[in-house]
Amino acid sequence: MPAHYKVVYNHIPTLTPMVEANARKAIGITVREAETHMKRAMRAPKSGRSYRRGSIKRQGKSYAGQGLRSGTYAASGRRYYIVGAKVHRASAPGEAPAIDLGAYINSWFTRWTGKLTSILGTNAVQARALENGNPRRNLAARPHLGPAVDSVRDRFQQRMKRVFR
């Protein structure tokens, strides 16, 4: 007569929080990786047009007599000299947006919205137009979020497979 073995696993209630915690960890790592990838793409060298943006002003008598353009501050009456200009290189269509003042790149955030839901988002109004382009404003797409998500998709799937093993 064959022996019968009965296997009982009565730890299901402890298994669910453990799976949930591991899944949450995998989601958090993936969202941070996507944010890092996107910001690195924005910091990468660009190949768009270069243009002058603003001027560099310096005060002091040492700049006088050097043939520099000068002016006077209205509030203080102090004289300033324009010694140079900031040059910005824009991104070409298809490249991630270039960083100019830093407001756009610093507007991105990650936030948990549920137990297993995390978002990578921004409150910047130009985000959608930069990602998808805007034909009415003659702005070609500069995708940065989509490529970042694509770059982490395979690693996320591998992490989730490990969670459920």
N, C-alpha and C. Protein backbone atom coordinates (compact mmCIF):
# COMPACT_ATOMS: atom_id res chain seq x y z
N MET A 1 0.85 -1.17 0.00
CA MET A 1 0.00 0.00 0.00
C MET A 1 0.90 1.24 0.00
N PRO A 2 0.68 2.17 -0.98
CA PRO A 2 1.53 3.35 -1.07
C PRO A 2 1.28 4.28 0.10
N ALA A 3 2.33 4.92 0.49
CA ALA A 3 2.21 5.90 1.58
C ALA A 3 1.72 7.21 0.98
N HIS A 4 0.88 7.88 1.70
CA HIS A 4 0.36 9.18 1.28
C HIS A 4 0.98 10.26 2.14
N TYR A 5 1.38 11.27 1.46
CA TYR A 5 1.95 12.41 2.18
C TYR A 5 1.06 13.62 1.94
N LYS A 6 0.84 14.32 2.95
CA LYS A 6 0.02 15.52 2.85
C LYS A 6 0.93 16.71 3.15
N VAL A 7 0.98 17.65 2.22
CA VAL A 7 1.79 18.84 2.41
C VAL A 7 0.86 19.99 2.77
N VAL A 8 1.13 20.61 3.88
CA VAL A 8 0.31 21.72 4.34
C VAL A 8 1.21 22.94 4.51
N TYR A 9 0.82 24.01 3.87
CA TYR A 9 1.55 25.27 4.04
C TYR A 9 0.53 26.26 4.58
N ASN A 10 0.63 26.52 5.84
CA ASN A 10 -0.36 27.39 6.46
C ASN A 10 0.21 28.78 6.79
N HIS A 11 1.14 29.23 5.99
CA HIS A 11 1.75 30.55 6.22
C HIS A 11 1.34 31.56 5.13
N ILE A 12 0.23 31.30 4.46
CA ILE A 12 -0.23 32.20 3.40
C ILE A 12 -0.40 33.64 3.92
N PRO A 13 -0.95 33.86 5.09
CA PRO A 13 -1.08 35.25 5.56
C PRO A 13 0.27 35.98 5.68
N THR A 14 1.35 35.28 5.98
CA THR A 14 2.67 35.94 6.06
C THR A 14 3.30 36.08 4.69
N LEU A 15 2.91 35.23 3.74
CA LEU A 15 3.47 35.29 2.40
C LEU A 15 3.02 36.54 1.65
N THR A 16 1.77 36.92 1.79
CA THR A 16 1.23 38.07 1.07
C THR A 16 1.95 39.37 1.42
N PRO A 17 2.16 39.72 2.68
CA PRO A 17 2.91 40.96 2.97
C PRO A 17 4.35 40.91 2.47
N MET A 18 4.96 39.72 2.49
CA MET A 18 6.33 39.59 2.02
C MET A 18 6.40 39.83 0.50
N VAL A 19 5.46 39.26 -0.25
CA VAL A 19 5.42 39.47 -1.70
C VAL A 19 5.15 40.94 -1.99
N GLU A 20 4.23 41.53 -1.23
CA GLU A 20 3.89 42.94 -1.43
C GLU A 20 5.10 43.84 -1.16
N ALA A 21 5.85 43.55 -0.10
CA ALA A 21 7.03 44.36 0.23
C ALA A 21 8.09 44.23 -0.84
N ASN A 22 8.31 43.03 -1.34
CA ASN A 22 9.31 42.84 -2.40
C ASN A 22 8.88 43.50 -3.71
N ALA A 23 7.59 43.44 -4.02
CA ALA A 23 7.08 44.10 -5.22
C ALA A 23 7.23 45.61 -5.09
N ARG A 24 6.92 46.14 -3.91
CA ARG A 24 7.06 47.58 -3.68
C ARG A 24 8.51 48.02 -3.86
N LYS A 25 9.43 47.21 -3.36
CA LYS A 25 10.85 47.52 -3.51
C LYS A 25 11.25 47.53 -4.99
N ALA A 26 10.78 46.54 -5.75
CA ALA A 26 11.10 46.46 -7.18
C ALA A 26 10.53 47.66 -7.93
N ILE A 27 9.33 48.07 -7.59
CA ILE A 27 8.70 49.23 -8.23
C ILE A 27 9.49 50.50 -7.91
N GLY A 28 9.85 50.68 -6.64
CA GLY A 28 10.61 51.87 -6.24
C GLY A 28 11.95 51.98 -6.94
N ILE A 29 12.67 50.87 -7.03
CA ILE A 29 13.97 50.87 -7.71
C ILE A 29 13.79 51.23 -9.19
N THR A 30 12.78 50.67 -9.81
CA THR A 30 12.56 50.90 -11.25
C THR A 30 12.19 52.35 -11.53
N VAL A 31 11.34 52.93 -10.71
CA VAL A 31 10.94 54.33 -10.94
C VAL A 31 12.14 55.26 -10.76
N ARG A 32 12.97 54.99 -9.76
CA ARG A 32 14.17 55.82 -9.57
C ARG A 32 15.16 55.64 -10.72
N GLU A 33 15.27 54.42 -11.24
CA GLU A 33 16.14 54.18 -12.41
C GLU A 33 15.64 54.97 -13.63
N ALA A 34 14.34 54.99 -13.85
CA ALA A 34 13.79 55.73 -14.98
C ALA A 34 14.06 57.22 -14.83
N GLU A 35 13.90 57.73 -13.61
CA GLU A 35 14.18 59.16 -13.37
C GLU A 35 15.65 59.47 -13.62
N THR A 36 16.53 58.62 -13.16
CA THR A 36 17.97 58.82 -13.37
C THR A 36 18.31 58.78 -14.85
N HIS A 37 17.76 57.82 -15.58
CA HIS A 37 18.02 57.72 -17.02
C HIS A 37 17.56 58.98 -17.74
N MET A 38 16.37 59.46 -17.39
CA MET A 38 15.82 60.64 -18.05
C MET A 38 16.68 61.87 -17.77
N LYS A 39 17.09 62.05 -16.52
CA LYS A 39 17.89 63.23 -16.17
C LYS A 39 19.28 63.17 -16.78
N ARG A 40 19.85 61.98 -16.90
CA ARG A 40 21.15 61.85 -17.57
C ARG A 40 21.04 62.21 -19.05
N ALA A 41 19.93 61.82 -19.67
CA ALA A 41 19.72 62.16 -21.07
C ALA A 41 19.60 63.67 -21.24
N MET A 42 18.98 64.34 -20.29
CA MET A 42 18.86 65.80 -20.36
C MET A 42 20.21 66.49 -20.18
N ARG A 43 21.08 65.88 -19.36
CA ARG A 43 22.40 66.48 -19.09
C ARG A 43 23.42 66.17 -20.20
N ALA A 44 23.11 65.24 -21.06
CA ALA A 44 24.05 64.85 -22.13
C ALA A 44 24.28 66.01 -23.09
N PRO A 45 25.44 66.02 -23.77
CA PRO A 45 25.70 67.08 -24.75
C PRO A 45 24.63 67.10 -25.84
N LYS A 46 24.33 68.29 -26.31
CA LYS A 46 23.27 68.47 -27.32
C LYS A 46 23.87 68.92 -28.64
N SER A 47 23.08 68.79 -29.70
CA SER A 47 23.56 69.17 -31.03
C SER A 47 22.66 70.18 -31.71
N GLY A 48 21.81 70.85 -30.95
CA GLY A 48 20.94 71.88 -31.52
C GLY A 48 21.68 73.19 -31.69
N ARG A 49 20.94 74.24 -31.98
CA ARG A 49 21.56 75.55 -32.21
C ARG A 49 22.02 76.17 -30.90
N SER A 50 23.05 77.01 -30.99
CA SER A 50 23.56 77.75 -29.84
C SER A 50 23.12 79.20 -29.97
N TYR A 51 22.81 79.80 -28.84
CA TYR A 51 22.45 81.21 -28.86
C TYR A 51 22.83 81.86 -27.54
N ARG A 52 23.02 83.16 -27.61
CA ARG A 52 23.40 83.93 -26.44
C ARG A 52 22.18 84.15 -25.57
N ARG A 53 22.37 84.03 -24.29
CA ARG A 53 21.26 84.19 -23.36
C ARG A 53 21.75 85.01 -22.18
N GLY A 54 21.29 86.23 -22.08
CA GLY A 54 21.66 87.08 -20.96
C GLY A 54 23.08 87.59 -21.08
N SER A 55 23.46 88.36 -20.12
CA SER A 55 24.81 88.91 -20.11
C SER A 55 25.42 88.74 -18.73
N ILE A 56 26.74 88.70 -18.69
CA ILE A 56 27.46 88.58 -17.43
C ILE A 56 27.93 89.98 -17.07
N LYS A 57 27.46 90.47 -15.95
CA LYS A 57 27.78 91.84 -15.52
C LYS A 57 28.74 91.79 -14.34
N ARG A 58 29.70 92.68 -14.35
CA ARG A 58 30.66 92.79 -13.26
C ARG A 58 30.80 94.26 -12.88
N GLN A 59 31.03 94.48 -11.60
CA GLN A 59 31.27 95.84 -11.12
C GLN A 59 32.73 95.97 -10.76
N GLY A 60 33.21 97.16 -10.74
CA GLY A 60 34.59 97.40 -10.31
C GLY A 60 35.32 98.31 -11.26
N LYS A 61 36.21 99.08 -10.70
CA LYS A 61 36.97 100.03 -11.50
C LYS A 61 37.96 99.34 -12.43
N SER A 62 38.32 98.09 -12.14
CA SER A 62 39.30 97.39 -12.97
C SER A 62 38.77 97.13 -14.38
N TYR A 63 37.45 97.15 -14.56
CA TYR A 63 36.88 96.92 -15.89
C TYR A 63 36.78 98.21 -16.70
N ALA A 64 36.93 99.35 -16.05
CA ALA A 64 36.81 100.64 -16.74
C ALA A 64 37.96 100.80 -17.73
N GLY A 65 37.69 101.43 -18.85
CA GLY A 65 38.72 101.71 -19.84
C GLY A 65 39.11 100.53 -20.69
N GLN A 66 38.38 99.43 -20.64
CA GLN A 66 38.71 98.26 -21.44
C GLN A 66 37.83 98.15 -22.68
N GLY A 67 37.04 99.15 -22.94
CA GLY A 67 36.18 99.15 -24.12
C GLY A 67 34.96 98.27 -23.98
N LEU A 68 34.56 97.93 -22.75
CA LEU A 68 33.39 97.10 -22.52
C LEU A 68 32.13 97.95 -22.48
N ARG A 69 31.02 97.36 -22.89
CA ARG A 69 29.74 98.06 -22.74
C ARG A 69 29.46 98.21 -21.26
N SER A 70 28.82 99.33 -20.90
CA SER A 70 28.55 99.56 -19.50
C SER A 70 27.15 100.13 -19.33
N GLY A 71 26.71 100.15 -18.12
CA GLY A 71 25.41 100.71 -17.77
C GLY A 71 25.40 101.06 -16.30
N THR A 72 24.26 101.48 -15.83
CA THR A 72 24.13 101.88 -14.43
C THR A 72 22.89 101.21 -13.85
N TYR A 73 23.03 100.61 -12.66
CA TYR A 73 21.88 100.05 -11.97
C TYR A 73 20.99 101.19 -11.51
N ALA A 74 19.68 101.09 -11.76
CA ALA A 74 18.75 102.17 -11.44
C ALA A 74 18.62 102.36 -9.94
N ALA A 75 18.56 101.28 -9.18
CA ALA A 75 18.31 101.40 -7.75
C ALA A 75 19.50 101.99 -7.00
N SER A 76 20.70 101.53 -7.32
CA SER A 76 21.86 101.95 -6.55
C SER A 76 22.69 103.02 -7.25
N GLY A 77 22.53 103.14 -8.55
CA GLY A 77 23.33 104.09 -9.31
C GLY A 77 24.75 103.61 -9.57
N ARG A 78 25.06 102.36 -9.20
CA ARG A 78 26.40 101.82 -9.41
C ARG A 78 26.58 101.42 -10.87
N ARG A 79 27.77 101.59 -11.36
CA ARG A 79 28.10 101.29 -12.75
C ARG A 79 28.46 99.81 -12.86
N TYR A 80 28.02 99.17 -13.95
CA TYR A 80 28.40 97.79 -14.23
C TYR A 80 28.96 97.72 -15.64
N TYR A 81 29.73 96.66 -15.88
CA TYR A 81 30.34 96.43 -17.19
C TYR A 81 29.94 95.05 -17.67
N ILE A 82 29.58 94.93 -18.93
CA ILE A 82 29.19 93.65 -19.51
C ILE A 82 30.46 92.99 -20.03
N VAL A 83 30.85 91.90 -19.38
CA VAL A 83 32.12 91.24 -19.70
C VAL A 83 31.93 89.97 -20.53
N GLY A 84 30.69 89.56 -20.75
CA GLY A 84 30.47 88.35 -21.53
C GLY A 84 29.00 88.02 -21.59
N ALA A 85 28.69 86.86 -22.12
CA ALA A 85 27.32 86.40 -22.21
C ALA A 85 27.27 84.90 -21.97
N LYS A 86 26.13 84.44 -21.50
CA LYS A 86 25.92 83.01 -21.32
C LYS A 86 25.48 82.44 -22.67
N VAL A 87 26.03 81.31 -23.04
CA VAL A 87 25.66 80.67 -24.30
C VAL A 87 24.93 79.38 -23.96
N HIS A 88 23.79 79.21 -24.59
CA HIS A 88 22.99 78.00 -24.37
C HIS A 88 22.94 77.19 -25.66
N ARG A 89 23.17 75.89 -25.56
CA ARG A 89 23.03 75.01 -26.73
C ARG A 89 21.74 74.23 -26.52
N ALA A 90 20.81 74.44 -27.43
CA ALA A 90 19.51 73.77 -27.37
C ALA A 90 19.61 72.33 -27.86
N SER A 91 18.58 71.56 -27.58
CA SER A 91 18.54 70.19 -28.09
C SER A 91 17.97 70.19 -29.49
N ALA A 92 18.40 69.25 -30.28
CA ALA A 92 17.85 69.06 -31.62
C ALA A 92 16.61 68.18 -31.50
N PRO A 93 15.71 68.23 -32.49
CA PRO A 93 14.55 67.35 -32.45
C PRO A 93 14.98 65.89 -32.30
N GLY A 94 14.29 65.18 -31.42
CA GLY A 94 14.62 63.78 -31.17
C GLY A 94 15.54 63.57 -29.98
N GLU A 95 16.25 64.62 -29.55
CA GLU A 95 17.10 64.54 -28.36
C GLU A 95 16.28 64.92 -27.13
N ALA A 96 16.74 64.49 -25.97
CA ALA A 96 16.11 64.93 -24.73
C ALA A 96 16.31 66.43 -24.59
N PRO A 97 15.39 67.13 -23.91
CA PRO A 97 15.53 68.58 -23.78
C PRO A 97 16.85 68.97 -23.12
N ALA A 98 17.39 70.11 -23.54
CA ALA A 98 18.62 70.63 -22.94
C ALA A 98 18.26 71.38 -21.66
N ILE A 99 19.19 71.39 -20.74
CA ILE A 99 18.99 72.12 -19.48
C ILE A 99 19.47 73.55 -19.69
N ASP A 100 18.61 74.50 -19.36
CA ASP A 100 18.99 75.90 -19.47
C ASP A 100 19.11 76.49 -18.07
N LEU A 101 18.01 76.70 -17.41
CA LEU A 101 18.04 77.28 -16.07
C LEU A 101 17.90 76.22 -14.98
N GLY A 102 17.46 75.03 -15.33
CA GLY A 102 17.34 73.95 -14.36
C GLY A 102 15.96 73.78 -13.76
N ALA A 103 15.03 74.66 -14.06
CA ALA A 103 13.70 74.57 -13.46
C ALA A 103 12.96 73.31 -13.94
N TYR A 104 13.09 72.99 -15.22
CA TYR A 104 12.36 71.84 -15.76
C TYR A 104 12.90 70.52 -15.21
N ILE A 105 14.19 70.33 -15.22
CA ILE A 105 14.75 69.07 -14.73
C ILE A 105 14.49 68.90 -13.23
N ASN A 106 14.47 70.00 -12.50
CA ASN A 106 14.22 69.94 -11.05
C ASN A 106 12.75 69.81 -10.71
N SER A 107 11.87 69.92 -11.69
CA SER A 107 10.44 69.79 -11.42
C SER A 107 9.98 68.33 -11.38
N TRP A 108 10.81 67.40 -11.81
CA TRP A 108 10.44 65.98 -11.83
C TRP A 108 10.50 65.40 -10.43
N PHE A 109 9.55 64.53 -10.12
CA PHE A 109 9.48 63.92 -8.79
C PHE A 109 8.95 62.50 -8.90
N THR A 110 9.21 61.70 -7.88
CA THR A 110 8.58 60.38 -7.76
C THR A 110 7.73 60.42 -6.50
N ARG A 111 6.58 59.76 -6.58
CA ARG A 111 5.66 59.78 -5.44
C ARG A 111 4.87 58.47 -5.43
N TRP A 112 4.71 57.92 -4.23
CA TRP A 112 3.87 56.74 -4.06
C TRP A 112 2.42 57.22 -3.98
N THR A 113 1.55 56.60 -4.79
CA THR A 113 0.13 56.96 -4.77
C THR A 113 -0.74 55.82 -4.26
N GLY A 114 -0.14 54.70 -3.99
CA GLY A 114 -0.85 53.54 -3.46
C GLY A 114 0.17 52.55 -2.93
N LYS A 115 -0.31 51.41 -2.44
CA LYS A 115 0.62 50.42 -1.90
C LYS A 115 1.62 49.95 -2.94
N LEU A 116 1.15 49.73 -4.16
CA LEU A 116 2.01 49.23 -5.22
C LEU A 116 1.97 50.13 -6.46
N THR A 117 1.75 51.41 -6.23
CA THR A 117 1.67 52.36 -7.34
C THR A 117 2.57 53.55 -7.05
N SER A 118 3.51 53.79 -7.96
CA SER A 118 4.41 54.93 -7.84
C SER A 118 4.40 55.66 -9.17
N ILE A 119 4.51 56.99 -9.11
CA ILE A 119 4.51 57.76 -10.35
C ILE A 119 5.80 58.56 -10.45
N LEU A 120 6.20 58.78 -11.68
CA LEU A 120 7.29 59.69 -12.00
C LEU A 120 6.62 60.81 -12.77
N GLY A 121 6.59 62.00 -12.21
CA GLY A 121 5.83 63.07 -12.83
C GLY A 121 6.47 64.43 -12.65
N THR A 122 5.80 65.42 -13.23
CA THR A 122 6.25 66.80 -13.13
C THR A 122 5.02 67.69 -13.13
N ASN A 123 5.18 68.88 -12.60
CA ASN A 123 4.10 69.86 -12.65
C ASN A 123 4.41 70.94 -13.68
N ALA A 124 5.44 70.74 -14.49
CA ALA A 124 5.83 71.72 -15.50
C ALA A 124 4.86 71.66 -16.68
N VAL A 125 4.40 72.82 -17.12
CA VAL A 125 3.40 72.87 -18.18
C VAL A 125 3.98 72.46 -19.54
N GLN A 126 5.28 72.60 -19.72
CA GLN A 126 5.88 72.31 -21.03
C GLN A 126 6.20 70.83 -21.22
N ALA A 127 5.99 69.99 -20.22
CA ALA A 127 6.40 68.59 -20.28
C ALA A 127 5.76 67.85 -21.45
N ARG A 128 4.45 67.97 -21.61
CA ARG A 128 3.76 67.24 -22.67
C ARG A 128 4.22 67.72 -24.05
N ALA A 129 4.38 69.03 -24.20
CA ALA A 129 4.81 69.57 -25.49
C ALA A 129 6.23 69.13 -25.83
N LEU A 130 7.10 69.07 -24.84
CA LEU A 130 8.47 68.61 -25.09
C LEU A 130 8.51 67.13 -25.45
N GLU A 131 7.74 66.33 -24.73
CA GLU A 131 7.75 64.88 -24.96
C GLU A 131 7.16 64.53 -26.33
N ASN A 132 6.03 65.14 -26.68
CA ASN A 132 5.30 64.76 -27.89
C ASN A 132 5.42 65.74 -29.04
N GLY A 133 5.93 66.93 -28.78
CA GLY A 133 5.98 67.96 -29.80
C GLY A 133 4.68 68.75 -29.82
N ASN A 134 4.70 69.90 -30.46
CA ASN A 134 3.52 70.74 -30.57
C ASN A 134 3.54 71.39 -31.96
N PRO A 135 2.78 70.83 -32.92
CA PRO A 135 2.83 71.36 -34.28
C PRO A 135 2.35 72.81 -34.37
N ARG A 136 1.43 73.22 -33.50
CA ARG A 136 0.94 74.60 -33.56
C ARG A 136 2.02 75.61 -33.19
N ARG A 137 2.96 75.20 -32.37
CA ARG A 137 4.06 76.09 -31.98
C ARG A 137 5.36 75.76 -32.70
N ASN A 138 5.26 74.88 -33.69
CA ASN A 138 6.43 74.48 -34.49
C ASN A 138 7.54 73.90 -33.60
N LEU A 139 7.13 73.07 -32.65
CA LEU A 139 8.08 72.43 -31.73
C LEU A 139 8.10 70.94 -32.02
N ALA A 140 9.25 70.44 -32.44
CA ALA A 140 9.40 69.00 -32.69
C ALA A 140 9.55 68.28 -31.35
N ALA A 141 9.21 67.01 -31.34
CA ALA A 141 9.27 66.21 -30.11
C ALA A 141 10.70 66.06 -29.62
N ARG A 142 10.85 66.14 -28.31
CA ARG A 142 12.11 65.87 -27.63
C ARG A 142 11.84 64.82 -26.56
N PRO A 143 11.65 63.57 -26.99
CA PRO A 143 11.24 62.53 -26.05
C PRO A 143 12.30 62.26 -24.99
N HIS A 144 11.86 62.18 -23.75
CA HIS A 144 12.77 61.89 -22.65
C HIS A 144 12.15 60.93 -21.65
N LEU A 145 10.87 61.03 -21.39
CA LEU A 145 10.22 60.11 -20.45
C LEU A 145 10.00 58.74 -21.09
N GLY A 146 9.51 58.69 -22.32
CA GLY A 146 9.27 57.42 -23.00
C GLY A 146 10.52 56.57 -23.13
N PRO A 147 11.64 57.14 -23.63
CA PRO A 147 12.87 56.34 -23.70
C PRO A 147 13.37 55.88 -22.33
N ALA A 148 13.15 56.68 -21.30
CA ALA A 148 13.58 56.28 -19.95
C ALA A 148 12.78 55.09 -19.47
N VAL A 149 11.47 55.10 -19.70
CA VAL A 149 10.63 53.97 -19.31
C VAL A 149 10.99 52.72 -20.12
N ASP A 150 11.23 52.90 -21.41
CA ASP A 150 11.62 51.76 -22.25
C ASP A 150 12.93 51.13 -21.78
N SER A 151 13.85 51.97 -21.30
CA SER A 151 15.16 51.46 -20.89
C SER A 151 15.10 50.61 -19.62
N VAL A 152 14.08 50.80 -18.78
CA VAL A 152 14.00 50.05 -17.52
C VAL A 152 12.95 48.94 -17.55
N ARG A 153 12.21 48.84 -18.64
CA ARG A 153 11.10 47.87 -18.71
C ARG A 153 11.57 46.43 -18.50
N ASP A 154 12.63 46.00 -19.18
CA ASP A 154 13.10 44.61 -19.06
C ASP A 154 13.57 44.30 -17.65
N ARG A 155 14.32 45.23 -17.04
CA ARG A 155 14.80 45.00 -15.67
C ARG A 155 13.63 44.93 -14.69
N PHE A 156 12.59 45.73 -14.92
CA PHE A 156 11.42 45.68 -14.05
C PHE A 156 10.74 44.31 -14.15
N GLN A 157 10.58 43.81 -15.37
CA GLN A 157 9.95 42.51 -15.54
C GLN A 157 10.78 41.41 -14.88
N GLN A 158 12.09 41.49 -14.96
CA GLN A 158 12.96 40.50 -14.29
C GLN A 158 12.79 40.57 -12.77
N ARG A 159 12.75 41.80 -12.25
CA ARG A 159 12.56 41.96 -10.80
C ARG A 159 11.23 41.36 -10.33
N MET A 160 10.18 41.62 -11.10
CA MET A 160 8.87 41.09 -10.70
C MET A 160 8.82 39.58 -10.81
N LYS A 161 9.52 38.99 -11.77
CA LYS A 161 9.59 37.53 -11.85
C LYS A 161 10.25 36.96 -10.61
N ARG A 162 11.32 37.65 -10.14
CA ARG A 162 12.00 37.19 -8.92
C ARG A 162 11.08 37.32 -7.70
N VAL A 163 10.23 38.32 -7.68
CA VAL A 163 9.30 38.49 -6.55
C VAL A 163 8.36 37.30 -6.45
N PHE A 164 7.89 36.81 -7.59
CA PHE A 164 6.90 35.74 -7.57
C PHE A 164 7.48 34.35 -7.66
N ARG A 165 8.80 34.21 -7.57
CA ARG A 165 9.41 32.87 -7.53
C ARG A 165 9.33 32.31 -6.15
